[in-house]
Amino acid sequence: MSERKKREKRMKKIWNGTKLQNIKKYLARGKLSGYCLKSRSCPIVQKYLYEHKLILIEKIKLKLFNSLLAMSRKFGLQRFKKYFLIFVR
């Protein structure tokens, strides 16, 4: 068997192996597997983590805003006006 055929056979075995099958299943669902998430230098992983970090930050901001809104209704808008300005920047 030629060296090229041996290499193709190894690559086919890796491509169809359980680790890569698992990774491909996650990717098909638009997610990253635990194996991928360990590869922090990968640009795809960096983008994924950055986007999820932004989503988390927006959720926290929304909770804070809603809390401020509830407090301003209870205690008066003027007391919390300066805090609302943080959210419009």
N, C-alpha and C. Protein backbone atom coordinates (compact mmCIF):
# COMPACT_ATOMS: atom_id res chain seq x y z
N MET A 1 0.85 -1.18 0.00
CA MET A 1 0.00 0.00 0.00
C MET A 1 0.89 1.24 0.00
N SER A 2 0.56 2.20 -0.86
CA SER A 2 1.38 3.41 -0.96
C SER A 2 1.20 4.28 0.28
N GLU A 3 2.17 5.15 0.46
CA GLU A 3 2.14 6.08 1.60
C GLU A 3 0.91 6.98 1.54
N ARG A 4 0.56 7.40 0.35
CA ARG A 4 -0.62 8.26 0.17
C ARG A 4 -1.89 7.53 0.59
N LYS A 5 -2.03 6.29 0.20
CA LYS A 5 -3.21 5.50 0.55
C LYS A 5 -3.29 5.28 2.06
N LYS A 6 -2.15 5.05 2.69
CA LYS A 6 -2.10 4.86 4.14
C LYS A 6 -2.57 6.13 4.86
N ARG A 7 -2.07 7.26 4.36
CA ARG A 7 -2.45 8.55 4.96
C ARG A 7 -3.95 8.81 4.79
N GLU A 8 -4.48 8.53 3.60
CA GLU A 8 -5.91 8.71 3.35
C GLU A 8 -6.74 7.80 4.26
N LYS A 9 -6.27 6.59 4.46
CA LYS A 9 -6.97 5.65 5.32
C LYS A 9 -6.99 6.14 6.77
N ARG A 10 -5.84 6.67 7.24
CA ARG A 10 -5.76 7.22 8.61
C ARG A 10 -6.69 8.42 8.76
N MET A 11 -6.68 9.30 7.75
CA MET A 11 -7.52 10.48 7.81
C MET A 11 -9.00 10.10 7.81
N LYS A 12 -9.38 9.12 7.01
CA LYS A 12 -10.76 8.66 6.96
C LYS A 12 -11.17 8.07 8.31
N LYS A 13 -10.26 7.33 8.93
CA LYS A 13 -10.53 6.73 10.24
C LYS A 13 -10.74 7.83 11.29
N ILE A 14 -9.91 8.86 11.25
CA ILE A 14 -10.04 9.98 12.19
C ILE A 14 -11.35 10.73 11.93
N TRP A 15 -11.62 11.05 10.64
CA TRP A 15 -12.81 11.81 10.27
C TRP A 15 -14.09 11.11 10.71
N ASN A 16 -14.11 9.79 10.63
CA ASN A 16 -15.29 9.02 10.99
C ASN A 16 -15.25 8.49 12.42
N GLY A 17 -14.24 8.86 13.17
CA GLY A 17 -14.09 8.40 14.55
C GLY A 17 -15.11 9.04 15.48
N THR A 18 -15.23 8.49 16.67
CA THR A 18 -16.25 8.95 17.62
C THR A 18 -16.02 10.39 18.09
N LYS A 19 -14.77 10.78 18.29
CA LYS A 19 -14.51 12.16 18.75
C LYS A 19 -15.00 13.19 17.74
N LEU A 20 -14.62 12.98 16.48
CA LEU A 20 -15.05 13.95 15.47
C LEU A 20 -16.54 13.85 15.17
N GLN A 21 -17.12 12.69 15.28
CA GLN A 21 -18.57 12.56 15.09
C GLN A 21 -19.30 13.38 16.15
N ASN A 22 -18.81 13.32 17.38
CA ASN A 22 -19.40 14.08 18.48
C ASN A 22 -19.26 15.59 18.22
N ILE A 23 -18.09 16.01 17.80
CA ILE A 23 -17.86 17.43 17.49
C ILE A 23 -18.79 17.88 16.37
N LYS A 24 -18.94 17.07 15.32
CA LYS A 24 -19.80 17.43 14.18
C LYS A 24 -21.27 17.51 14.59
N LYS A 25 -21.70 16.67 15.53
CA LYS A 25 -23.08 16.74 16.02
C LYS A 25 -23.35 18.07 16.70
N TYR A 26 -22.40 18.50 17.56
CA TYR A 26 -22.55 19.79 18.23
C TYR A 26 -22.59 20.92 17.22
N LEU A 27 -21.67 20.89 16.25
CA LEU A 27 -21.61 21.96 15.25
C LEU A 27 -22.89 22.02 14.43
N ALA A 28 -23.48 20.87 14.13
CA ALA A 28 -24.73 20.83 13.36
C ALA A 28 -25.86 21.51 14.12
N ARG A 29 -25.77 21.52 15.47
CA ARG A 29 -26.79 22.17 16.30
C ARG A 29 -26.43 23.63 16.60
N GLY A 30 -25.31 24.09 16.04
CA GLY A 30 -24.89 25.48 16.27
C GLY A 30 -24.21 25.68 17.61
N LYS A 31 -23.66 24.61 18.16
CA LYS A 31 -22.99 24.68 19.46
C LYS A 31 -21.57 24.15 19.33
N LEU A 32 -20.79 24.36 20.38
CA LEU A 32 -19.44 23.84 20.42
C LEU A 32 -19.35 22.75 21.49
N SER A 33 -18.64 21.69 21.16
CA SER A 33 -18.47 20.60 22.12
C SER A 33 -17.49 21.03 23.21
N GLY A 34 -17.45 20.27 24.28
CA GLY A 34 -16.50 20.55 25.36
C GLY A 34 -15.07 20.49 24.87
N TYR A 35 -14.80 19.57 23.95
CA TYR A 35 -13.46 19.46 23.36
C TYR A 35 -13.08 20.76 22.66
N CYS A 36 -14.02 21.29 21.87
CA CYS A 36 -13.75 22.54 21.15
C CYS A 36 -13.55 23.71 22.11
N LEU A 37 -14.37 23.78 23.14
CA LEU A 37 -14.30 24.90 24.08
C LEU A 37 -12.96 24.95 24.82
N LYS A 38 -12.26 23.83 24.87
CA LYS A 38 -10.94 23.81 25.51
C LYS A 38 -9.88 24.46 24.62
N SER A 39 -10.19 24.63 23.33
CA SER A 39 -9.25 25.21 22.37
C SER A 39 -9.46 26.71 22.31
N ARG A 40 -9.04 27.41 23.34
CA ARG A 40 -9.31 28.86 23.46
C ARG A 40 -8.62 29.69 22.38
N SER A 41 -7.59 29.16 21.73
CA SER A 41 -6.91 29.95 20.70
C SER A 41 -7.62 29.87 19.35
N CYS A 42 -8.61 29.01 19.23
CA CYS A 42 -9.37 28.85 17.98
C CYS A 42 -10.24 30.09 17.76
N PRO A 43 -10.18 30.72 16.59
CA PRO A 43 -10.99 31.92 16.32
C PRO A 43 -12.49 31.66 16.42
N ILE A 44 -12.94 30.47 16.07
CA ILE A 44 -14.36 30.15 16.16
C ILE A 44 -14.79 30.12 17.62
N VAL A 45 -13.95 29.52 18.46
CA VAL A 45 -14.25 29.45 19.90
C VAL A 45 -14.24 30.85 20.50
N GLN A 46 -13.26 31.67 20.12
CA GLN A 46 -13.18 33.04 20.64
C GLN A 46 -14.43 33.83 20.27
N LYS A 47 -14.90 33.70 19.03
CA LYS A 47 -16.10 34.41 18.60
C LYS A 47 -17.32 33.92 19.38
N TYR A 48 -17.44 32.62 19.55
CA TYR A 48 -18.55 32.00 20.28
C TYR A 48 -18.59 32.52 21.72
N LEU A 49 -17.45 32.51 22.39
CA LEU A 49 -17.38 32.96 23.78
C LEU A 49 -17.67 34.45 23.88
N TYR A 50 -17.17 35.24 22.94
CA TYR A 50 -17.40 36.68 22.94
C TYR A 50 -18.89 36.98 22.78
N GLU A 51 -19.54 36.31 21.83
CA GLU A 51 -20.97 36.53 21.60
C GLU A 51 -21.80 36.13 22.81
N HIS A 52 -21.45 35.02 23.43
CA HIS A 52 -22.20 34.59 24.61
C HIS A 52 -21.95 35.49 25.81
N LYS A 53 -20.76 36.05 25.87
CA LYS A 53 -20.46 37.02 26.93
C LYS A 53 -21.31 38.27 26.74
N LEU A 54 -21.44 38.75 25.49
CA LEU A 54 -22.26 39.93 25.22
C LEU A 54 -23.73 39.68 25.55
N ILE A 55 -24.23 38.49 25.22
CA ILE A 55 -25.62 38.14 25.53
C ILE A 55 -25.83 38.17 27.03
N LEU A 56 -24.89 37.61 27.78
CA LEU A 56 -24.99 37.58 29.24
C LEU A 56 -24.98 39.00 29.80
N ILE A 57 -24.11 39.85 29.28
CA ILE A 57 -24.03 41.24 29.74
C ILE A 57 -25.36 41.96 29.47
N GLU A 58 -25.95 41.74 28.30
CA GLU A 58 -27.23 42.38 27.97
C GLU A 58 -28.34 41.89 28.90
N LYS A 59 -28.34 40.62 29.25
CA LYS A 59 -29.34 40.09 30.17
C LYS A 59 -29.20 40.75 31.55
N ILE A 60 -27.96 40.91 32.00
CA ILE A 60 -27.71 41.55 33.30
C ILE A 60 -28.16 43.01 33.26
N LYS A 61 -27.83 43.71 32.17
CA LYS A 61 -28.25 45.11 32.03
C LYS A 61 -29.77 45.24 32.06
N LEU A 62 -30.45 44.32 31.39
CA LEU A 62 -31.91 44.36 31.36
C LEU A 62 -32.49 44.15 32.76
N LYS A 63 -31.93 43.22 33.52
CA LYS A 63 -32.39 42.99 34.89
C LYS A 63 -32.17 44.23 35.75
N LEU A 64 -30.99 44.85 35.61
CA LEU A 64 -30.70 46.07 36.37
C LEU A 64 -31.66 47.19 35.99
N PHE A 65 -31.90 47.34 34.69
CA PHE A 65 -32.80 48.39 34.22
C PHE A 65 -34.20 48.18 34.78
N ASN A 66 -34.68 46.94 34.73
CA ASN A 66 -36.02 46.65 35.25
C ASN A 66 -36.10 46.89 36.76
N SER A 67 -35.03 46.58 37.47
CA SER A 67 -34.99 46.86 38.91
C SER A 67 -35.04 48.35 39.18
N LEU A 68 -34.27 49.11 38.41
CA LEU A 68 -34.28 50.58 38.55
C LEU A 68 -35.66 51.14 38.24
N LEU A 69 -36.28 50.62 37.21
CA LEU A 69 -37.60 51.08 36.83
C LEU A 69 -38.61 50.84 37.95
N ALA A 70 -38.56 49.65 38.53
CA ALA A 70 -39.47 49.33 39.63
C ALA A 70 -39.21 50.23 40.83
N MET A 71 -37.94 50.46 41.13
CA MET A 71 -37.59 51.32 42.28
C MET A 71 -38.00 52.76 42.02
N SER A 72 -37.84 53.22 40.76
CA SER A 72 -38.21 54.60 40.47
C SER A 72 -39.72 54.80 40.56
N ARG A 73 -40.48 53.77 40.21
CA ARG A 73 -41.94 53.87 40.36
C ARG A 73 -42.33 53.93 41.82
N LYS A 74 -41.60 53.20 42.63
CA LYS A 74 -41.94 53.14 44.05
C LYS A 74 -41.46 54.40 44.80
N PHE A 75 -40.26 54.88 44.47
CA PHE A 75 -39.66 55.97 45.25
C PHE A 75 -39.54 57.29 44.50
N GLY A 76 -39.93 57.33 43.23
CA GLY A 76 -39.85 58.57 42.46
C GLY A 76 -38.70 58.55 41.48
N LEU A 77 -38.98 59.03 40.29
CA LEU A 77 -38.01 58.99 39.20
C LEU A 77 -36.77 59.83 39.46
N GLN A 78 -36.91 60.98 40.07
CA GLN A 78 -35.78 61.90 40.24
C GLN A 78 -34.64 61.26 41.03
N ARG A 79 -34.96 60.42 41.98
CA ARG A 79 -33.91 59.79 42.79
C ARG A 79 -33.04 58.84 41.97
N PHE A 80 -33.58 58.29 40.88
CA PHE A 80 -32.86 57.29 40.10
C PHE A 80 -32.50 57.75 38.69
N LYS A 81 -32.75 59.04 38.41
CA LYS A 81 -32.54 59.57 37.07
C LYS A 81 -31.09 59.40 36.61
N LYS A 82 -30.14 59.66 37.49
CA LYS A 82 -28.73 59.56 37.10
C LYS A 82 -28.36 58.12 36.74
N TYR A 83 -29.01 57.15 37.34
CA TYR A 83 -28.71 55.75 37.03
C TYR A 83 -29.28 55.35 35.68
N PHE A 84 -30.42 55.92 35.31
CA PHE A 84 -31.00 55.62 34.01
C PHE A 84 -30.10 56.14 32.88
N LEU A 85 -29.39 57.23 33.15
CA LEU A 85 -28.51 57.79 32.13
C LEU A 85 -27.39 56.82 31.74
N ILE A 86 -27.04 55.93 32.64
CA ILE A 86 -26.02 54.92 32.34
C ILE A 86 -26.48 54.03 31.18
N PHE A 87 -27.77 53.73 31.11
CA PHE A 87 -28.27 52.80 30.12
C PHE A 87 -28.46 53.43 28.74
N VAL A 88 -28.52 54.74 28.67
CA VAL A 88 -28.73 55.37 27.38
C VAL A 88 -27.43 55.76 26.70
N ARG A 89 -26.33 55.52 27.32
CA ARG A 89 -25.02 55.84 26.73
C ARG A 89 -24.62 54.80 25.72
